[in-house]
């Protein structure tokens, strides 16, 4: 009988294995971009070979392949958490088990960055905190792409002269170290307001108007009277009523545009307004018009003092002019030409023989 061997030895080549990457860490650089790093397998396991590369994947971005850590990722996930898997690759193409890292959301962006108190030695940078989202732990201030400082509050003193070429950014940072999208300081001033003029001015007030700035975001216009700030427009409306003026006094006005970042335009060209000593009649209107006559009525101007009469004129610009003085708030021009257009004016006159600005109407007889 043949004797059977007691054991049989079989040599089977086993595939080269590799451990998963360890110590994953990272943070968002914005709401959609992040940086991630890890310890390579041979750094944590003396039996592991050198990794020939790494496969980084996630549900919100396409798989990327890198040779060594760290790597930058475009997560494509603004508001939610992003799960990232990292696998090491051995020389024979075998992949390790995945290591997982979760990027939590970033805070919202700071808004309305302003530069105030500018001097040759620096300025004050301020902003509004994000509304909603992950609460910020602090803020990182960048100058021309380089981190300059961190701040827990919503303003800081910057000890650099603010140049037109500088780019300042503020990013909110969460407790987990994730950065928000940047709030960017706009240092481009609005354009100089043009076309400043005055209309409807009385003895105690004047309405100022000017051309609107259609370039950039103007938040308000500031109005200066005799080189002192007297008020601001309602929002970006290019109109302002200056009140509290003194009758018979000359005033100089100019306007500056201010944007949401606190940038100020060059001042507009100045205008000079001299308030009349006497206000004109109010609510001048035609009461009766016939082929040969026109009757006007009006009301005494508000706050009028010392008015003793009114002077009215009618001119058809064809050589026919009439002038009537009256002590009452009304006048009738008679023996006029039919089918003629008359320019009618009414002025108030006080005891010092001072005349108000005229109120003018155009009336055509039937």
Protein backbone atom coordinates (compact mmCIF):
# COMPACT_ATOMS: atom_id res chain seq x y z
CA UNK A 1 0.00 0.00 0.00
CA UNK A 2 1.28 3.43 -0.99
CA UNK A 3 1.88 5.84 1.94
CA UNK A 4 0.11 9.20 1.70
CA UNK A 5 2.11 12.35 2.52
CA UNK A 6 1.16 13.90 5.79
CA UNK A 7 0.99 17.53 4.51
CA UNK A 8 0.77 19.43 1.26
CA UNK A 9 2.33 22.97 0.91
CA UNK A 10 0.64 25.41 -1.49
CA UNK A 11 2.33 28.78 -2.29
CA UNK A 12 -0.30 31.38 -3.18
CA UNK A 13 0.85 34.98 -3.82
CA UNK A 14 -1.22 37.39 -1.65
CA UNK A 15 -2.05 40.93 -3.00
CA UNK A 16 -0.18 43.94 -1.58
CA UNK A 17 -2.39 45.58 1.08
CA UNK A 18 -2.29 49.20 2.33
CA UNK A 19 -3.86 50.91 5.36
CA UNK A 20 -6.32 53.76 5.12
CA UNK A 21 -5.03 57.35 5.51
CA UNK A 22 -5.22 58.67 9.06
CA UNK A 23 -5.63 61.93 10.96
CA UNK A 24 -7.79 63.68 8.35
CA UNK A 25 -8.19 67.42 8.92
CA UNK A 26 -9.33 70.36 6.88
CA UNK A 27 -11.42 73.48 6.68
CA UNK A 28 -13.51 75.36 4.18
CA UNK A 29 -11.75 78.27 2.50
CA UNK A 30 -15.16 79.51 1.29
CA UNK A 31 -18.70 78.20 1.11
CA UNK A 32 -17.77 75.88 -1.78
CA UNK A 33 -13.99 75.34 -1.60
CA UNK A 34 -11.92 73.51 1.02
CA UNK A 35 -8.46 72.22 1.81
CA UNK A 36 -7.91 68.70 3.21
CA UNK A 37 -4.83 66.91 4.52
CA UNK A 38 -4.04 63.55 6.20
CA UNK A 39 -1.27 61.29 7.49
CA UNK A 40 0.05 58.85 4.90
CA UNK A 41 -0.25 55.11 5.71
CA UNK A 42 3.48 54.45 6.24
CA UNK A 43 3.55 57.28 8.78
CA UNK A 44 1.10 55.42 11.02
CA UNK A 45 1.89 51.78 10.14
CA UNK A 46 5.49 50.51 9.75
CA UNK A 47 4.28 47.54 7.68
CA UNK A 48 2.57 49.70 4.99
CA UNK A 49 4.34 50.49 1.73
CA UNK A 50 4.54 54.00 0.32
CA UNK A 51 1.23 55.02 -1.23
CA UNK A 52 1.36 55.60 -4.96
CA UNK A 53 -1.48 58.11 -4.78
CA UNK A 54 -4.82 58.87 -3.24
CA UNK A 55 -8.38 58.86 -4.46
CA UNK A 56 -10.59 61.61 -2.98
CA UNK A 57 -14.32 61.36 -3.59
CA UNK A 58 -17.60 62.82 -2.35
CA UNK A 59 -21.24 63.03 -3.28
CA UNK A 60 -21.06 66.72 -4.26
CA UNK A 61 -17.97 66.71 -6.51
CA UNK A 62 -16.20 64.54 -9.06
CA UNK A 63 -13.51 62.12 -7.82
CA UNK A 64 -10.00 63.58 -7.88
CA UNK A 65 -6.62 61.82 -7.75
CA UNK A 66 -3.65 63.33 -5.93
CA UNK A 67 -0.09 62.14 -5.36
CA UNK A 68 0.45 63.52 -1.89
CA UNK A 69 -1.56 65.48 0.68
CA UNK A 70 -2.81 68.16 1.06
CA UNK A 71 -5.39 68.80 -1.66
CA UNK A 72 -7.86 71.54 -2.47
CA UNK A 73 -11.44 70.62 -3.27
CA UNK A 74 -14.40 72.32 -4.93
CA UNK A 75 -17.17 70.89 -2.78
CA UNK A 76 -20.09 72.40 -4.65
CA UNK A 77 -22.09 72.36 -1.43
CA UNK A 78 -22.84 75.81 -0.06
CA UNK A 79 -25.25 75.23 2.79
CA UNK A 80 -25.02 71.63 3.96
CA UNK A 81 -22.31 69.38 5.37
CA UNK A 82 -20.03 67.67 2.81
CA UNK A 83 -18.75 64.11 3.37
CA UNK A 84 -15.37 63.31 1.79
CA UNK A 85 -13.77 59.84 1.41
CA UNK A 86 -10.01 59.38 1.02
CA UNK A 87 -8.46 56.06 -0.10
CA UNK A 88 -4.75 55.24 -0.39
CA UNK A 89 -3.57 53.40 -3.51
CA UNK A 90 -0.86 50.69 -3.35
CA UNK A 91 1.65 49.94 -6.11
CA UNK A 92 -0.49 47.15 -7.56
CA UNK A 93 -3.57 49.41 -7.76
CA UNK A 94 -5.21 48.04 -4.62
CA UNK A 95 -7.17 50.68 -2.73
CA UNK A 96 -7.37 50.97 1.04
CA UNK A 97 -10.56 51.23 3.02
CA UNK A 98 -11.89 54.81 3.01
CA UNK A 99 -11.23 57.38 5.68
CA UNK A 100 -14.05 59.88 6.05
CA UNK A 101 -13.98 63.60 6.83
CA UNK A 102 -17.05 65.83 7.17
CA UNK A 103 -16.86 69.51 6.21
CA UNK A 104 -19.43 71.44 8.23
CA UNK A 105 -21.06 74.53 6.64
CA UNK A 106 -19.38 77.93 6.60
CA UNK A 107 -20.85 81.06 8.18
CA UNK A 108 -22.54 83.63 5.97
CA UNK A 109 -20.56 86.50 4.48
CA UNK A 110 -19.94 89.79 6.29
CA UNK A 111 -21.65 92.70 4.52
CA UNK A 112 -21.42 96.47 4.11
CA UNK A 113 -17.69 96.84 4.63
CA UNK A 114 -16.75 100.45 5.34
CA UNK A 115 -13.50 102.36 5.69
CA UNK A 116 -13.80 105.36 8.00
CA UNK A 117 -11.49 107.69 9.96
CA UNK A 118 -8.91 107.58 7.18
CA UNK A 119 -5.50 109.11 7.92
CA UNK A 120 -1.98 108.70 6.55
CA UNK A 121 -1.43 106.06 9.26
CA UNK A 122 -4.46 103.86 8.58
CA UNK A 123 -8.22 103.68 8.91
CA UNK A 124 -11.05 101.91 10.72
CA UNK A 125 -12.54 98.91 8.92
CA UNK A 126 -16.07 97.90 9.94
CA UNK A 127 -18.72 95.49 8.66
CA UNK A 128 -22.06 93.88 9.49
CA UNK A 129 -22.17 90.36 10.92
CA UNK A 130 -23.75 87.60 8.79
CA UNK A 131 -27.46 87.04 9.27
CA UNK A 132 -28.44 83.38 9.79
CA UNK A 133 -26.30 80.33 9.11
CA UNK A 134 -23.49 79.00 11.26
CA UNK A 135 -22.52 81.56 13.94
CA UNK A 136 -19.09 83.13 13.37
CA UNK A 137 -16.43 82.59 16.02
CA UNK A 138 -14.23 85.41 14.72
CA UNK A 139 -13.29 87.23 11.52
CA UNK A 140 -10.16 87.03 9.40
CA UNK A 141 -9.10 90.22 7.63
CA UNK A 142 -7.14 89.82 4.37
CA UNK A 143 -5.11 92.46 2.58
CA UNK A 144 -4.29 91.72 -1.05
CA UNK A 145 -4.89 88.01 -0.47
CA UNK A 146 -2.74 87.72 2.67
CA UNK A 147 -4.21 87.24 6.16
CA UNK A 148 -3.60 90.45 8.06
CA UNK A 149 -5.29 89.91 11.44
CA UNK A 150 -8.22 88.32 13.26
CA UNK A 151 -10.97 90.13 15.13
CA UNK A 152 -13.78 88.96 17.43
CA UNK A 153 -15.86 92.12 16.91
CA UNK A 154 -17.17 93.78 13.77
CA UNK A 155 -14.54 96.51 13.40
CA UNK A 156 -10.79 96.86 13.64
CA UNK A 157 -8.05 99.44 13.28
CA UNK A 158 -5.93 98.85 10.17
CA UNK A 159 -2.48 100.44 10.42
CA UNK A 160 -1.88 100.72 6.69
CA UNK A 161 -2.50 103.66 4.39
CA UNK A 162 -5.53 102.76 2.29
CA UNK A 163 -4.39 102.75 -1.33
CA UNK A 164 -6.62 102.64 -4.39
CA UNK A 165 -4.92 99.37 -5.44
CA UNK A 166 -5.52 97.57 -2.13
CA UNK A 167 -8.10 94.79 -1.88
CA UNK A 168 -9.42 94.20 1.64
CA UNK A 169 -11.59 91.18 2.43
CA UNK A 170 -13.27 90.03 5.63
CA UNK A 171 -14.26 86.38 6.07
CA UNK A 172 -16.26 85.02 8.99
CA UNK A 173 -14.73 81.90 10.60
CA UNK A 174 -16.74 79.28 12.46
CA UNK A 175 -15.72 77.42 15.59
CA UNK A 176 -14.73 74.52 13.32
CA UNK A 177 -12.35 76.79 11.39
CA UNK A 178 -14.49 77.06 8.24
CA UNK A 179 -14.26 80.38 6.40
CA UNK A 180 -17.13 82.18 4.71
CA UNK A 181 -17.18 83.78 1.29
CA UNK A 182 -15.51 87.18 1.52
CA UNK A 183 -17.07 90.54 2.13
CA UNK A 184 -15.03 92.92 -0.03
CA UNK A 185 -14.29 96.54 0.77
CA UNK A 186 -15.29 98.79 -2.12
CA UNK A 187 -13.06 101.86 -2.22
CA UNK A 188 -14.28 103.22 -5.57
CA UNK A 189 -16.08 106.51 -4.89
CA UNK A 190 -19.29 107.50 -6.67
CA UNK A 191 -19.10 110.02 -9.46
CA UNK A 192 -19.25 113.72 -8.73
CA UNK A 193 -22.87 114.99 -8.73
CA UNK A 194 -23.55 117.35 -11.62
CA UNK A 195 -26.24 119.80 -12.60
CA UNK A 196 -26.95 121.19 -9.14
CA UNK A 197 -29.68 123.81 -9.25
CA UNK A 198 -32.34 125.45 -7.09
CA UNK A 199 -36.03 125.83 -7.79
CA UNK A 200 -39.18 126.76 -5.92
CA UNK A 201 -37.15 128.70 -3.40
CA UNK A 202 -38.91 131.05 -1.03
CA UNK A 203 -37.81 133.43 1.68
CA UNK A 204 -37.18 130.53 4.09
CA UNK A 205 -36.62 127.42 1.94
CA UNK A 206 -35.17 126.20 -1.34
CA UNK A 207 -35.57 122.94 -3.27
CA UNK A 208 -32.23 121.66 -4.61
CA UNK A 209 -32.02 119.18 -7.49
CA UNK A 210 -29.10 117.56 -9.35
CA UNK A 211 -28.31 114.74 -11.78
CA UNK A 212 -28.53 111.17 -10.42
CA UNK A 213 -25.40 109.00 -10.43
CA UNK A 214 -26.11 105.86 -12.47
CA UNK A 215 -22.64 104.40 -11.87
CA UNK A 216 -22.29 102.45 -8.61
CA UNK A 217 -24.55 102.21 -5.60
CA UNK A 218 -25.25 105.61 -4.07
CA UNK A 219 -26.93 105.26 -0.70
CA UNK A 220 -27.46 108.98 -0.06
CA UNK A 221 -26.43 112.48 -1.05
CA UNK A 222 -25.16 114.84 1.62
CA UNK A 223 -25.97 118.53 1.21
CA UNK A 224 -23.67 121.26 2.52
CA UNK A 225 -24.71 124.84 3.20
CA UNK A 226 -21.91 127.38 3.57
CA UNK A 227 -19.42 124.45 3.95
CA UNK A 228 -21.39 122.81 6.77
CA UNK A 229 -23.48 119.64 6.48
CA UNK A 230 -27.13 120.65 6.53
CA UNK A 231 -28.80 117.30 5.74
CA UNK A 232 -29.04 114.34 3.39
CA UNK A 233 -31.40 113.14 0.69
CA UNK A 234 -33.97 110.41 1.23
CA UNK A 235 -32.01 107.43 -0.08
CA UNK A 236 -30.55 108.02 -3.53
CA UNK A 237 -33.21 110.57 -4.59
CA UNK A 238 -31.39 113.56 -6.21
CA UNK A 239 -33.48 116.19 -4.45
CA UNK A 240 -33.33 117.98 -1.10
CA UNK A 241 -35.36 120.76 0.51
CA UNK A 242 -33.25 123.20 2.52
CA UNK A 243 -35.43 124.76 5.21
CA UNK A 244 -34.90 127.23 8.04
CA UNK A 245 -33.34 129.82 5.76
CA UNK A 246 -33.39 133.53 6.50
CA UNK A 247 -35.12 135.94 4.09
CA UNK A 248 -32.77 138.09 2.03
CA UNK A 249 -29.63 136.05 2.83
CA UNK A 250 -27.20 134.53 0.34
CA UNK A 251 -26.27 130.84 0.76
CA UNK A 252 -23.74 128.59 -0.99
CA UNK A 253 -24.71 124.94 -1.52
CA UNK A 254 -22.87 121.87 -2.80
CA UNK A 255 -23.60 118.12 -2.76
CA UNK A 256 -21.52 114.96 -2.23
CA UNK A 257 -22.60 111.38 -3.09
CA UNK A 258 -21.96 108.62 -0.50
CA UNK A 259 -22.20 104.89 -1.28
CA UNK A 260 -22.98 101.91 0.96
CA UNK A 261 -19.25 101.43 1.71
CA UNK A 262 -18.87 104.98 2.95
CA UNK A 263 -16.97 106.16 -0.14
CA UNK A 264 -17.51 109.82 -0.85
CA UNK A 265 -17.53 111.51 -4.24
CA UNK A 266 -15.88 114.78 -5.11
CA UNK A 267 -18.10 117.71 -4.22
CA UNK A 268 -20.41 119.07 -6.88
CA UNK A 269 -19.97 122.52 -8.32
CA UNK A 270 -21.37 125.06 -5.88
CA UNK A 271 -24.41 127.23 -6.47
CA UNK A 272 -25.37 130.46 -4.76
CA UNK A 273 -28.97 130.98 -3.67
CA UNK A 274 -30.23 134.28 -2.32
CA UNK A 275 -33.55 133.97 -0.58
CA UNK A 276 -36.07 136.71 -1.40
CA UNK A 277 -37.15 139.06 1.35
CA UNK A 278 -40.75 138.53 0.32
CA UNK A 279 -42.60 135.40 -0.79
CA UNK A 280 -44.79 135.56 -3.92
CA UNK A 281 -48.58 135.16 -3.82
CA UNK A 282 -49.78 131.58 -3.45
CA UNK A 283 -52.28 129.54 -5.50
CA UNK A 284 -52.56 132.08 -8.30
CA UNK A 285 -55.29 130.91 -10.67
CA UNK A 286 -57.71 132.06 -13.38
CA UNK A 287 -61.17 132.77 -12.01
CA UNK A 288 -62.91 134.01 -15.19
CA UNK A 289 -61.81 134.35 -18.80
CA UNK A 290 -63.85 135.94 -21.63
CA UNK A 291 -63.05 137.17 -25.14
CA UNK A 292 -61.93 140.51 -23.70
CA UNK A 293 -61.07 139.95 -20.05
CA UNK A 294 -59.15 137.69 -17.63
CA UNK A 295 -59.74 137.64 -13.88
CA UNK A 296 -57.05 136.24 -11.53
CA UNK A 297 -57.33 135.44 -7.82
CA UNK A 298 -54.68 134.29 -5.34
CA UNK A 299 -53.91 133.85 -1.66
CA UNK A 300 -51.64 135.77 0.64
CA UNK A 301 -48.23 134.04 0.98
CA UNK A 302 -47.66 132.06 4.16
CA UNK A 303 -45.83 133.86 6.96
CA UNK A 304 -45.93 137.07 4.93
CA UNK A 305 -45.06 140.21 6.85
CA UNK A 306 -45.56 143.79 5.65
CA UNK A 307 -47.35 143.16 2.34
CA UNK A 308 -49.29 146.29 1.37
CA UNK A 309 -50.24 145.56 -2.25
CA UNK A 310 -49.90 143.38 -5.33
CA UNK A 311 -48.67 144.36 -8.80
CA UNK A 312 -50.11 142.42 -11.75
CA UNK A 313 -49.18 142.61 -15.44
CA UNK A 314 -50.61 141.21 -18.69
CA UNK A 315 -48.55 141.12 -21.91
CA UNK A 316 -49.64 139.64 -25.25
CA UNK A 317 -46.17 140.19 -26.79
CA UNK A 318 -47.76 142.22 -29.59
CA UNK A 319 -47.43 145.63 -28.08
CA UNK A 320 -50.35 145.34 -25.64
CA UNK A 321 -49.26 145.50 -21.99
CA UNK A 322 -51.43 146.18 -18.93
CA UNK A 323 -50.28 146.84 -15.35
CA UNK A 324 -52.63 146.98 -12.35
CA UNK A 325 -51.92 147.61 -8.65
CA UNK A 326 -54.38 146.22 -6.11
CA UNK A 327 -54.62 145.81 -2.34
CA UNK A 328 -56.87 142.73 -2.57
CA UNK A 329 -56.04 139.17 -3.70
CA UNK A 330 -57.52 139.52 -7.17
CA UNK A 331 -57.44 141.52 -10.39
CA UNK A 332 -59.37 141.78 -13.70
CA UNK A 333 -57.69 142.71 -16.98
CA UNK A 334 -60.33 144.09 -19.37
CA UNK A 335 -60.49 145.35 -22.98
CA UNK A 336 -58.15 142.58 -24.06
CA UNK A 337 -57.85 141.18 -27.59
CA UNK A 338 -59.73 138.01 -28.38
CA UNK A 339 -57.88 134.88 -29.50
CA UNK A 340 -54.68 136.20 -27.96
CA UNK A 341 -52.25 134.57 -25.54
CA UNK A 342 -51.24 136.72 -22.57
CA UNK A 343 -48.40 136.23 -20.11
CA UNK A 344 -49.76 137.19 -16.69
CA UNK A 345 -47.56 137.91 -13.65
CA UNK A 346 -48.40 138.73 -10.04
CA UNK A 347 -45.96 140.06 -7.41
CA UNK A 348 -46.36 140.96 -3.77
CA UNK A 349 -44.99 144.31 -2.56
CA UNK A 350 -44.18 145.27 1.04
CA UNK A 351 -43.98 148.59 2.85
CA UNK A 352 -40.25 148.92 2.01
CA UNK A 353 -41.17 148.72 -1.70
CA UNK A 354 -39.56 145.29 -2.04
CA UNK A 355 -41.01 143.02 -4.71
CA UNK A 356 -41.41 139.26 -4.48
CA UNK A 357 -40.54 136.85 -7.28
CA UNK A 358 -43.32 136.81 -9.90
CA UNK A 359 -45.87 134.05 -10.32
CA UNK A 360 -46.45 133.56 -14.07
CA UNK A 361 -49.34 132.08 -16.05
CA UNK A 362 -50.07 131.79 -19.78
CA UNK A 363 -53.76 132.40 -20.65
CA UNK A 364 -55.45 132.56 -24.07
CA UNK A 365 -58.66 134.54 -24.55
CA UNK A 366 -61.43 132.79 -26.53
